[in-house]
Amino acid sequence: MTPLDIGNNFYGNMQMLNKNFRMFDSIEVFDTSDSILPICHLSKGEAYSPLQNVDIPLWFKEGMPELYSLLIR
């Protein structure tokens, strides 16, 4: 697997989750870059983050804009 494959998989999975998150009863999104950091919890159409908006990673905001907009409502 090449770095390009890894990048395509990462961004492709975010696109698919952003497009289809409503079909799941619940979702947990974590950032595991440095440690295990919970980013978003979605349950029954309600989204929650333990983080302040400024602390939510840019990859989440840009990679999953529909899920992010539900989170900041």
PDB file of N, CA and C in Angstrom:
ATOM      1  N   MET A   1       0.844  -1.173   0.000  1.00  0.00           N
ATOM      2  CA  MET A   1       0.000   0.000   0.000  1.00  0.00           C
ATOM      3  C   MET A   1       0.893   1.241   0.000  1.00  0.00           C
ATOM      4  N   THR A   2       0.584   2.169  -0.856  1.00  0.00           N
ATOM      5  CA  THR A   2       1.386   3.390  -0.974  1.00  0.00           C
ATOM      6  C   THR A   2       0.777   4.518  -0.132  1.00  0.00           C
ATOM      7  N   PRO A   3       1.555   5.565   0.118  1.00  0.00           N
ATOM      8  CA  PRO A   3       0.978   6.727   0.824  1.00  0.00           C
ATOM      9  C   PRO A   3      -0.247   7.301   0.107  1.00  0.00           C
ATOM     10  N   LEU A   4      -0.260   7.257  -1.227  1.00  0.00           N
ATOM     11  CA  LEU A   4      -1.415   7.736  -1.984  1.00  0.00           C
ATOM     12  C   LEU A   4      -2.641   6.874  -1.685  1.00  0.00           C
ATOM     13  N   ASP A   5      -2.446   5.553  -1.607  1.00  0.00           N
ATOM     14  CA  ASP A   5      -3.552   4.656  -1.271  1.00  0.00           C
ATOM     15  C   ASP A   5      -4.114   4.969   0.111  1.00  0.00           C
ATOM     16  N   ILE A   6      -3.226   5.213   1.048  1.00  0.00           N
ATOM     17  CA  ILE A   6      -3.650   5.523   2.413  1.00  0.00           C
ATOM     18  C   ILE A   6      -4.436   6.832   2.437  1.00  0.00           C
ATOM     19  N   GLY A   7      -3.939   7.843   1.754  1.00  0.00           N
ATOM     20  CA  GLY A   7      -4.637   9.125   1.690  1.00  0.00           C
ATOM     21  C   GLY A   7      -5.993   9.007   1.024  1.00  0.00           C
ATOM     22  N   ASN A   8      -6.052   8.272  -0.091  1.00  0.00           N
ATOM     23  CA  ASN A   8      -7.325   8.074  -0.785  1.00  0.00           C
ATOM     24  C   ASN A   8      -8.320   7.321   0.094  1.00  0.00           C
ATOM     25  N   ASN A   9      -7.854   6.342   0.826  1.00  0.00           N
ATOM     26  CA  ASN A   9      -8.717   5.580   1.721  1.00  0.00           C
ATOM     27  C   ASN A   9      -9.241   6.476   2.841  1.00  0.00           C
ATOM     28  N   PHE A  10      -8.358   7.264   3.442  1.00  0.00           N
ATOM     29  CA  PHE A  10      -8.736   8.157   4.534  1.00  0.00           C
ATOM     30  C   PHE A  10      -9.806   9.146   4.085  1.00  0.00           C
ATOM     31  N   TYR A  11      -9.531   9.884   3.000  1.00  0.00           N
ATOM     32  CA  TYR A  11     -10.474  10.901   2.532  1.00  0.00           C
ATOM     33  C   TYR A  11     -11.723  10.276   1.923  1.00  0.00           C
ATOM     34  N   GLY A  12     -11.581   9.156   1.265  1.00  0.00           N
ATOM     35  CA  GLY A  12     -12.752   8.461   0.718  1.00  0.00           C
ATOM     36  C   GLY A  12     -13.687   7.982   1.810  1.00  0.00           C
ATOM     37  N   ASN A  13     -13.126   7.477   2.902  1.00  0.00           N
ATOM     38  CA  ASN A  13     -13.966   7.036   4.017  1.00  0.00           C
ATOM     39  C   ASN A  13     -14.685   8.214   4.664  1.00  0.00           C
ATOM     40  N   MET A  14     -14.015   9.359   4.788  1.00  0.00           N
ATOM     41  CA  MET A  14     -14.679  10.541   5.339  1.00  0.00           C
ATOM     42  C   MET A  14     -15.819  10.992   4.431  1.00  0.00           C
ATOM     43  N   GLN A  15     -15.599  10.973   3.132  1.00  0.00           N
ATOM     44  CA  GLN A  15     -16.657  11.365   2.196  1.00  0.00           C
ATOM     45  C   GLN A  15     -17.863  10.447   2.323  1.00  0.00           C
ATOM     46  N   MET A  16     -17.623   9.157   2.421  1.00  0.00           N
ATOM     47  CA  MET A  16     -18.724   8.205   2.526  1.00  0.00           C
ATOM     48  C   MET A  16     -19.461   8.345   3.866  1.00  0.00           C
ATOM     49  N   LEU A  17     -18.728   8.558   4.938  1.00  0.00           N
ATOM     50  CA  LEU A  17     -19.380   8.759   6.230  1.00  0.00           C
ATOM     51  C   LEU A  17     -20.188  10.045   6.215  1.00  0.00           C
ATOM     52  N   ASN A  18     -19.643  11.115   5.657  1.00  0.00           N
ATOM     53  CA  ASN A  18     -20.349  12.386   5.571  1.00  0.00           C
ATOM     54  C   ASN A  18     -21.642  12.234   4.772  1.00  0.00           C
ATOM     55  N   LYS A  19     -21.601  11.428   3.750  1.00  0.00           N
ATOM     56  CA  LYS A  19     -22.760  11.227   2.878  1.00  0.00           C
ATOM     57  C   LYS A  19     -23.804  10.310   3.515  1.00  0.00           C
ATOM     58  N   ASN A  20     -23.374   9.342   4.318  1.00  0.00           N
ATOM     59  CA  ASN A  20     -24.274   8.278   4.778  1.00  0.00           C
ATOM     60  C   ASN A  20     -24.469   8.179   6.285  1.00  0.00           C
ATOM     61  N   PHE A  21     -24.017   9.157   7.060  1.00  0.00           N
ATOM     62  CA  PHE A  21     -24.076   9.005   8.518  1.00  0.00           C
ATOM     63  C   PHE A  21     -25.499   8.855   9.046  1.00  0.00           C
ATOM     64  N   ARG A  22     -26.481   9.346   8.319  1.00  0.00           N
ATOM     65  CA  ARG A  22     -27.869   9.260   8.790  1.00  0.00           C
ATOM     66  C   ARG A  22     -28.400   7.824   8.815  1.00  0.00           C
ATOM     67  N   MET A  23     -27.757   6.918   8.130  1.00  0.00           N
ATOM     68  CA  MET A  23     -28.242   5.532   8.107  1.00  0.00           C
ATOM     69  C   MET A  23     -27.817   4.731   9.349  1.00  0.00           C
ATOM     70  N   PHE A  24     -26.969   5.314  10.190  1.00  0.00           N
ATOM     71  CA  PHE A  24     -26.488   4.626  11.387  1.00  0.00           C
ATOM     72  C   PHE A  24     -27.243   5.100  12.623  1.00  0.00           C
ATOM     73  N   ASP A  25     -27.442   4.208  13.570  1.00  0.00           N
ATOM     74  CA  ASP A  25     -28.048   4.579  14.852  1.00  0.00           C
ATOM     75  C   ASP A  25     -27.086   5.417  15.678  1.00  0.00           C
ATOM     76  N   SER A  26     -25.812   5.064  15.617  1.00  0.00           N
ATOM     77  CA  SER A  26     -24.821   5.833  16.365  1.00  0.00           C
ATOM     78  C   SER A  26     -23.462   5.746  15.666  1.00  0.00           C
ATOM     79  N   ILE A  27     -22.665   6.780  15.902  1.00  0.00           N
ATOM     80  CA  ILE A  27     -21.322   6.880  15.323  1.00  0.00           C
ATOM     81  C   ILE A  27     -20.416   7.503  16.373  1.00  0.00           C
ATOM     82  N   GLU A  28     -19.200   7.018  16.451  1.00  0.00           N
ATOM     83  CA  GLU A  28     -18.146   7.614  17.272  1.00  0.00           C
ATOM     84  C   GLU A  28     -16.977   7.928  16.353  1.00  0.00           C
ATOM     85  N   VAL A  29     -16.498   9.160  16.392  1.00  0.00           N
ATOM     86  CA  VAL A  29     -15.343   9.563  15.594  1.00  0.00           C
ATOM     87  C   VAL A  29     -14.229   9.968  16.556  1.00  0.00           C
ATOM     88  N   PHE A  30     -13.055   9.372  16.356  1.00  0.00           N
ATOM     89  CA  PHE A  30     -11.894   9.635  17.207  1.00  0.00           C
ATOM     90  C   PHE A  30     -10.732  10.109  16.357  1.00  0.00           C
ATOM     91  N   ASP A  31      -9.886  10.945  16.940  1.00  0.00           N
ATOM     92  CA  ASP A  31      -8.611  11.324  16.345  1.00  0.00           C
ATOM     93  C   ASP A  31      -7.548  10.502  17.061  1.00  0.00           C
ATOM     94  N   THR A  32      -6.852   9.688  16.326  1.00  0.00           N
ATOM     95  CA  THR A  32      -5.815   8.841  16.921  1.00  0.00           C
ATOM     96  C   THR A  32      -4.418   9.252  16.471  1.00  0.00           C
ATOM     97  N   SER A  33      -4.268  10.507  16.053  1.00  0.00           N
ATOM     98  CA  SER A  33      -2.969  10.990  15.581  1.00  0.00           C
ATOM     99  C   SER A  33      -1.903  10.906  16.664  1.00  0.00           C
ATOM    100  N   ASP A  34      -2.213  11.430  17.838  1.00  0.00           N
ATOM    101  CA  ASP A  34      -1.248  11.415  18.939  1.00  0.00           C
ATOM    102  C   ASP A  34      -1.708  10.520  20.078  1.00  0.00           C
ATOM    103  N   SER A  35      -2.974  10.601  20.394  1.00  0.00           N
ATOM    104  CA  SER A  35      -3.585   9.766  21.423  1.00  0.00           C
ATOM    105  C   SER A  35      -5.013   9.501  20.967  1.00  0.00           C
ATOM    106  N   ILE A  36      -5.798   8.854  21.776  1.00  0.00           N
ATOM    107  CA  ILE A  36      -7.185   8.593  21.404  1.00  0.00           C
ATOM    108  C   ILE A  36      -8.034   9.741  21.933  1.00  0.00           C
ATOM    109  N   LEU A  37      -8.447  10.617  21.020  1.00  0.00           N
ATOM    110  CA  LEU A  37      -9.202  11.810  21.363  1.00  0.00           C
ATOM    111  C   LEU A  37     -10.591  11.725  20.731  1.00  0.00           C
ATOM    112  N   PRO A  38     -11.650  11.674  21.546  1.00  0.00           N
ATOM    113  CA  PRO A  38     -13.000  11.645  20.968  1.00  0.00           C
ATOM    114  C   PRO A  38     -13.318  12.984  20.307  1.00  0.00           C
ATOM    115  N   ILE A  39     -13.826  12.929  19.090  1.00  0.00           N
ATOM    116  CA  ILE A  39     -14.162  14.127  18.326  1.00  0.00           C
ATOM    117  C   ILE A  39     -15.667  14.331  18.285  1.00  0.00           C
ATOM    118  N   CYS A  40     -16.409  13.264  17.976  1.00  0.00           N
ATOM    119  CA  CYS A  40     -17.844  13.403  17.772  1.00  0.00           C
ATOM    120  C   CYS A  40     -18.559  12.113  18.155  1.00  0.00           C
ATOM    121  N   HIS A  41     -19.706  12.291  18.782  1.00  0.00           N
ATOM    122  CA  HIS A  41     -20.614  11.180  19.077  1.00  0.00           C
ATOM    123  C   HIS A  41     -21.952  11.537  18.460  1.00  0.00           C
ATOM    124  N   LEU A  42     -22.483  10.645  17.652  1.00  0.00           N
ATOM    125  CA  LEU A  42     -23.782  10.841  17.027  1.00  0.00           C
ATOM    126  C   LEU A  42     -24.687   9.706  17.462  1.00  0.00           C
ATOM    127  N   SER A  43     -25.845  10.047  17.977  1.00  0.00           N
ATOM    128  CA  SER A  43     -26.809   9.036  18.401  1.00  0.00           C
ATOM    129  C   SER A  43     -28.220   9.556  18.140  1.00  0.00           C
ATOM    130  N   LYS A  44     -28.979   8.783  17.394  1.00  0.00           N
ATOM    131  CA  LYS A  44     -30.382   9.106  17.092  1.00  0.00           C
ATOM    132  C   LYS A  44     -30.535  10.517  16.522  1.00  0.00           C
ATOM    133  N   GLY A  45     -29.634  10.881  15.631  1.00  0.00           N
ATOM    134  CA  GLY A  45     -29.717  12.172  14.958  1.00  0.00           C
ATOM    135  C   GLY A  45     -29.171  13.360  15.738  1.00  0.00           C
ATOM    136  N   GLU A  46     -28.714  13.137  16.960  1.00  0.00           N
ATOM    137  CA  GLU A  46     -28.149  14.203  17.784  1.00  0.00           C
ATOM    138  C   GLU A  46     -26.630  14.033  17.847  1.00  0.00           C
ATOM    139  N   ALA A  47     -25.908  15.111  17.596  1.00  0.00           N
ATOM    140  CA  ALA A  47     -24.447  15.064  17.608  1.00  0.00           C
ATOM    141  C   ALA A  47     -23.909  15.822  18.814  1.00  0.00           C
ATOM    142  N   TYR A  48     -22.813  15.311  19.369  1.00  0.00           N
ATOM    143  CA  TYR A  48     -22.171  15.921  20.531  1.00  0.00           C
ATOM    144  C   TYR A  48     -20.657  15.794  20.382  1.00  0.00           C
ATOM    145  N   SER A  49     -19.943  16.808  20.836  1.00  0.00           N
ATOM    146  CA  SER A  49     -18.491  16.735  20.912  1.00  0.00           C
ATOM    147  C   SER A  49     -18.041  17.227  22.279  1.00  0.00           C
ATOM    148  N   PRO A  50     -17.092  16.538  22.909  1.00  0.00           N
ATOM    149  CA  PRO A  50     -16.549  17.039  24.172  1.00  0.00           C
ATOM    150  C   PRO A  50     -15.592  18.203  23.964  1.00  0.00           C
ATOM    151  N   LEU A  51     -15.286  18.509  22.702  1.00  0.00           N
ATOM    152  CA  LEU A  51     -14.333  19.564  22.375  1.00  0.00           C
ATOM    153  C   LEU A  51     -15.044  20.882  22.089  1.00  0.00           C
ATOM    154  N   GLN A  52     -14.347  21.966  22.339  1.00  0.00           N
ATOM    155  CA  GLN A  52     -14.814  23.273  21.891  1.00  0.00           C
ATOM    156  C   GLN A  52     -14.646  23.314  20.370  1.00  0.00           C
ATOM    157  N   ASN A  53     -15.453  24.130  19.706  1.00  0.00           N
ATOM    158  CA  ASN A  53     -15.410  24.211  18.254  1.00  0.00           C
ATOM    159  C   ASN A  53     -13.996  24.493  17.729  1.00  0.00           C
ATOM    160  N   VAL A  54     -13.257  25.376  18.398  1.00  0.00           N
ATOM    161  CA  VAL A  54     -11.902  25.713  17.931  1.00  0.00           C
ATOM    162  C   VAL A  54     -10.940  24.540  18.038  1.00  0.00           C
ATOM    163  N   ASP A  55     -11.269  23.539  18.861  1.00  0.00           N
ATOM    164  CA  ASP A  55     -10.394  22.382  19.061  1.00  0.00           C
ATOM    165  C   ASP A  55     -10.737  21.200  18.154  1.00  0.00           C
ATOM    166  N   ILE A  56     -11.847  21.301  17.433  1.00  0.00           N
ATOM    167  CA  ILE A  56     -12.211  20.222  16.505  1.00  0.00           C
ATOM    168  C   ILE A  56     -11.254  20.292  15.320  1.00  0.00           C
ATOM    169  N   PRO A  57     -10.636  19.170  14.970  1.00  0.00           N
ATOM    170  CA  PRO A  57      -9.623  19.181  13.902  1.00  0.00           C
ATOM    171  C   PRO A  57     -10.176  19.643  12.555  1.00  0.00           C
ATOM    172  N   LEU A  58      -9.340  20.317  11.809  1.00  0.00           N
ATOM    173  CA  LEU A  58      -9.706  20.813  10.488  1.00  0.00           C
ATOM    174  C   LEU A  58     -10.089  19.666   9.552  1.00  0.00           C
ATOM    175  N   TRP A  59      -9.417  18.507   9.687  1.00  0.00           N
ATOM    176  CA  TRP A  59      -9.753  17.383   8.814  1.00  0.00           C
ATOM    177  C   TRP A  59     -11.202  16.949   9.020  1.00  0.00           C
ATOM    178  N   PHE A  60     -11.725  17.076  10.241  1.00  0.00           N
ATOM    179  CA  PHE A  60     -13.121  16.728  10.498  1.00  0.00           C
ATOM    180  C   PHE A  60     -14.044  17.787   9.892  1.00  0.00           C
ATOM    181  N   LYS A  61     -13.738  19.053  10.130  1.00  0.00           N
ATOM    182  CA  LYS A  61     -14.572  20.149   9.630  1.00  0.00           C
ATOM    183  C   LYS A  61     -14.661  20.143   8.106  1.00  0.00           C
ATOM    184  N   GLU A  62     -13.529  19.953   7.458  1.00  0.00           N
ATOM    185  CA  GLU A  62     -13.497  20.003   5.992  1.00  0.00           C
ATOM    186  C   GLU A  62     -13.871  18.675   5.345  1.00  0.00           C
ATOM    187  N   GLY A  63     -13.523  17.574   5.999  1.00  0.00           N
ATOM    188  CA  GLY A  63     -13.769  16.256   5.410  1.00  0.00           C
ATOM    189  C   GLY A  63     -15.177  15.740   5.594  1.00  0.00           C
ATOM    190  N   MET A  64     -15.875  16.249   6.622  1.00  0.00           N
ATOM    191  CA  MET A  64     -17.246  15.809   6.883  1.00  0.00           C
ATOM    192  C   MET A  64     -18.125  17.023   7.203  1.00  0.00           C
ATOM    193  N   PRO A  65     -18.310  17.914   6.220  1.00  0.00           N
ATOM    194  CA  PRO A  65     -19.017  19.165   6.495  1.00  0.00           C
ATOM    195  C   PRO A  65     -20.469  18.998   6.934  1.00  0.00           C
ATOM    196  N   GLU A  66     -21.172  18.004   6.426  1.00  0.00           N
ATOM    197  CA  GLU A  66     -22.562  17.806   6.847  1.00  0.00           C
ATOM    198  C   GLU A  66     -22.635  17.335   8.291  1.00  0.00           C
ATOM    199  N   LEU A  67     -21.793  16.416   8.653  1.00  0.00           N
ATOM    200  CA  LEU A  67     -21.748  15.942  10.036  1.00  0.00           C
ATOM    201  C   LEU A  67     -21.286  17.064  10.960  1.00  0.00           C
ATOM    202  N   TYR A  68     -20.325  17.841  10.514  1.00  0.00           N
ATOM    203  CA  TYR A  68     -19.842  18.971  11.304  1.00  0.00           C
ATOM    204  C   TYR A  68     -20.951  20.005  11.518  1.00  0.00           C
ATOM    205  N   SER A  69     -21.721  20.302  10.476  1.00  0.00           N
ATOM    206  CA  SER A  69     -22.794  21.293  10.631  1.00  0.00           C
ATOM    207  C   SER A  69     -23.859  20.801  11.604  1.00  0.00           C
ATOM    208  N   LEU A  70     -24.111  19.509  11.636  1.00  0.00           N
ATOM    209  CA  LEU A  70     -25.038  18.948  12.637  1.00  0.00           C
ATOM    210  C   LEU A  70     -24.457  19.095  14.028  1.00  0.00           C
ATOM    211  N   LEU A  71     -23.174  18.940  14.149  1.00  0.00           N
ATOM    212  CA  LEU A  71     -22.496  19.028  15.438  1.00  0.00           C
ATOM    213  C   LEU A  71     -22.538  20.443  16.012  1.00  0.00           C
ATOM    214  N   ILE A  72     -22.408  21.462  15.176  1.00  0.00           N
ATOM    215  CA  ILE A  72     -22.328  22.831  15.710  1.00  0.00           C
ATOM    216  C   ILE A  72     -23.683  23.525  15.829  1.00  0.00           C
ATOM    217  N   ARG A  73     -24.758  22.862  15.496  1.00  0.00           N
ATOM    218  CA  ARG A  73     -26.088  23.459  15.672  1.00  0.00           C
ATOM    219  C   ARG A  73     -26.377  23.745  17.099  1.00  0.00           C
TER     220      ARG A  73
END
